[in-house]
Amino acid sequence: MLEKCRSKKFRNHGVLVKFPKKKQDLRIDLPTIGLKTIKQSKTAGLKGIVVKNKQHIFLDKSKCIKFANKNKIFISVE
């Protein structure tokens, strides 16, 4: 999905929202964010990522935060 968002027309105007689907089983299947997701968001020209509080998995959290700060990408937990 992020690869399809590389349009120059919408550069720096989008946000990735990673919320679980309504019928998603949260015991075994949570939305996951890692360094690859943040790098793809940067390539797609997105301004940031929004995740739902206590309903996501964050891989390599410290590396992701460093990369996001360095590249001016925000990560918000709602």
Protein backbone atom coordinates (compact mmCIF):
# COMPACT_ATOMS: atom_id res chain seq x y z
CA MET A 1 0.00 0.00 0.00
CA LEU A 2 2.77 2.45 0.91
CA GLU A 3 4.52 1.85 -2.42
CA LYS A 4 1.39 3.02 -4.25
CA CYS A 5 1.36 6.30 -2.28
CA ARG A 6 4.53 7.74 -3.83
CA SER A 7 2.67 10.38 -5.82
CA LYS A 8 4.46 13.73 -5.93
CA LYS A 9 1.07 15.40 -5.96
CA PHE A 10 0.36 14.39 -2.35
CA ARG A 11 3.92 14.53 -0.98
CA ASN A 12 4.05 15.65 2.69
CA HIS A 13 0.26 15.66 3.00
CA GLY A 14 -0.54 12.14 4.19
CA VAL A 15 -0.57 10.16 7.44
CA LEU A 16 -0.50 6.38 7.89
CA VAL A 17 -3.21 5.19 10.31
CA LYS A 18 -2.61 1.68 11.71
CA PHE A 19 -5.76 0.71 13.63
CA PRO A 20 -7.10 -2.83 14.01
CA LYS A 21 -10.05 -3.80 11.84
CA LYS A 22 -13.45 -4.21 13.52
CA LYS A 23 -13.47 -8.01 13.30
CA GLN A 24 -9.74 -8.49 13.93
CA ASP A 25 -8.86 -10.86 16.80
CA LEU A 26 -6.65 -8.73 19.06
CA ARG A 27 -5.45 -11.74 21.01
CA ILE A 28 -3.35 -13.01 18.10
CA ASP A 29 -3.36 -10.40 15.32
CA LEU A 30 -2.31 -6.85 16.12
CA PRO A 31 -1.20 -4.12 13.70
CA THR A 32 2.61 -4.09 13.64
CA ILE A 33 4.99 -1.20 13.02
CA GLY A 34 8.73 -1.46 12.58
CA LEU A 35 11.66 0.30 10.97
CA LYS A 36 10.60 -0.97 7.53
CA THR A 37 7.16 0.65 7.92
CA ILE A 38 8.69 4.00 8.88
CA LYS A 39 11.20 3.88 6.02
CA GLN A 40 8.40 3.10 3.54
CA SER A 41 6.35 5.97 4.99
CA LYS A 42 9.29 8.32 4.43
CA THR A 43 9.70 7.07 0.85
CA ALA A 44 5.97 7.58 0.25
CA GLY A 45 6.28 11.15 1.56
CA LEU A 46 4.00 10.75 4.56
CA LYS A 47 4.21 13.15 7.50
CA GLY A 48 3.62 10.58 10.23
CA ILE A 49 2.04 7.45 11.65
CA VAL A 50 -0.90 7.08 14.05
CA VAL A 51 -1.47 3.89 16.07
CA LYS A 52 -4.11 2.88 18.59
CA ASN A 53 -3.06 2.77 22.26
CA LYS A 54 -2.34 -0.76 23.54
CA GLN A 55 -3.58 -2.28 20.27
CA HIS A 56 -0.36 -2.46 18.25
CA ILE A 57 3.09 -4.07 18.25
CA PHE A 58 6.14 -1.83 17.91
CA LEU A 59 9.31 -3.59 16.67
CA ASP A 60 12.74 -2.05 17.45
CA LYS A 61 11.09 0.90 19.18
CA SER A 62 14.27 2.87 19.96
CA LYS A 63 15.62 2.53 16.39
CA CYS A 64 12.25 3.56 14.96
CA ILE A 65 12.04 6.65 17.17
CA LYS A 66 15.60 7.71 16.27
CA PHE A 67 14.90 7.26 12.55
CA ALA A 68 11.58 9.13 12.80
CA ASN A 69 13.15 12.04 14.70
CA LYS A 70 16.05 12.26 12.24
CA ASN A 71 13.65 12.33 9.27
CA LYS A 72 10.98 14.58 10.87
CA ILE A 73 8.25 11.92 10.91
CA PHE A 74 5.85 11.93 13.83
CA ILE A 75 4.50 8.84 15.61
CA SER A 76 1.28 9.41 17.52
CA VAL A 77 -0.51 7.01 19.86
CA GLU A 78 -4.26 7.64 20.15
